[in-house]
Protein backbone atom coordinates (compact mmCIF):
# COMPACT_ATOMS: atom_id res chain seq x y z
CA MET A 1 145.41 232.54 45.15
CA ARG A 2 142.65 232.52 47.78
CA LEU A 3 141.44 229.15 46.53
CA PHE A 4 144.89 227.73 47.13
CA PHE A 5 144.88 228.88 50.75
CA VAL A 6 141.41 227.44 51.26
CA TRP A 7 142.75 224.20 49.76
CA LEU A 8 145.71 224.35 52.23
CA LEU A 9 143.52 225.03 55.27
CA GLY A 10 140.48 222.91 54.58
CA GLY A 11 141.81 220.20 52.35
CA GLY A 12 140.58 219.07 48.86
CA TRP A 13 136.93 218.89 49.83
CA ASP A 14 136.79 222.61 50.50
CA LEU A 15 138.32 223.34 47.12
CA GLY A 16 135.85 221.01 45.46
CA PHE A 17 133.12 222.73 47.23
CA HIS A 18 134.38 226.18 46.01
CA VAL A 19 134.67 224.93 42.47
CA LYS A 20 131.15 223.54 42.60
CA SER A 21 129.74 226.81 43.99
CA LEU A 22 131.57 228.76 41.26
CA GLU A 23 130.22 226.36 38.69
CA PHE A 24 126.74 226.97 40.02
CA GLN A 25 127.25 230.72 40.01
CA VAL A 26 128.22 230.49 36.28
CA ARG A 27 125.50 228.01 35.36
CA GLY A 28 122.73 230.04 37.07
CA PRO A 29 122.92 233.02 34.70
CA VAL A 30 123.33 230.66 31.67
CA CYS A 31 120.07 228.86 32.63
CA HIS A 32 118.48 232.27 33.15
CA VAL A 33 119.52 233.40 29.69
CA LYS A 34 118.18 230.15 28.15
CA ALA A 35 114.85 230.61 29.91
CA LEU A 36 114.66 234.21 28.82
CA LYS A 37 115.24 233.19 25.19
CA VAL A 38 112.46 230.67 25.48
CA HIS A 39 110.26 233.35 27.02
CA VAL A 40 111.00 235.78 24.19
CA LYS A 41 110.10 233.09 21.66
CA ILE A 42 106.78 232.44 23.46
CA VAL A 43 106.06 236.15 23.61
CA LYS A 44 106.82 236.55 19.91
CA LEU A 45 104.45 233.66 19.11
CA HIS A 46 101.75 235.26 21.13
CA GLU A 47 102.33 238.66 19.50
CA GLU A 48 101.97 236.97 16.11
CA LYS A 49 98.70 235.35 17.14
CA ILE A 50 97.35 238.46 18.73
CA GLY A 51 98.55 240.52 15.69
CA ARG A 52 96.60 238.28 13.37
CA GLN A 53 93.46 238.66 15.49
CA VAL A 54 93.81 242.38 16.47
CA LEU A 55 95.07 243.87 13.19
CA PRO A 56 91.96 242.99 11.18
CA LEU A 57 89.81 244.36 14.03
CA PHE A 58 91.92 247.53 14.07
CA ALA A 59 91.53 247.88 10.33
CA LEU A 60 87.75 247.33 10.59
CA ALA A 61 87.52 250.00 13.38
CA LYS A 62 89.42 252.48 11.23
CA SER A 63 87.18 251.77 8.22
CA ILE A 64 84.10 252.38 10.36
CA GLN A 65 85.41 255.80 11.55
C-alpha cells in the first residue's frame, strides 16, 4: 500500500527506485549465502589437506609417547 502512495506522490521513477532497492536488499543476502557456501567449501578443502598432513604427525607423536 505504501508503495502505491509513493507511486502517486513521486511518479513511476520513485516506484522503480523502491523496487530496485528491494531487489538489492533481497539480492544482497543471496550473494552473501553463495559466498558463505564457497567459503565453507574452501575451509573443508583446507581441513582435508591439513588433516592429511597433521593426522600422520599426531599418530607419530602418540606412538613416541
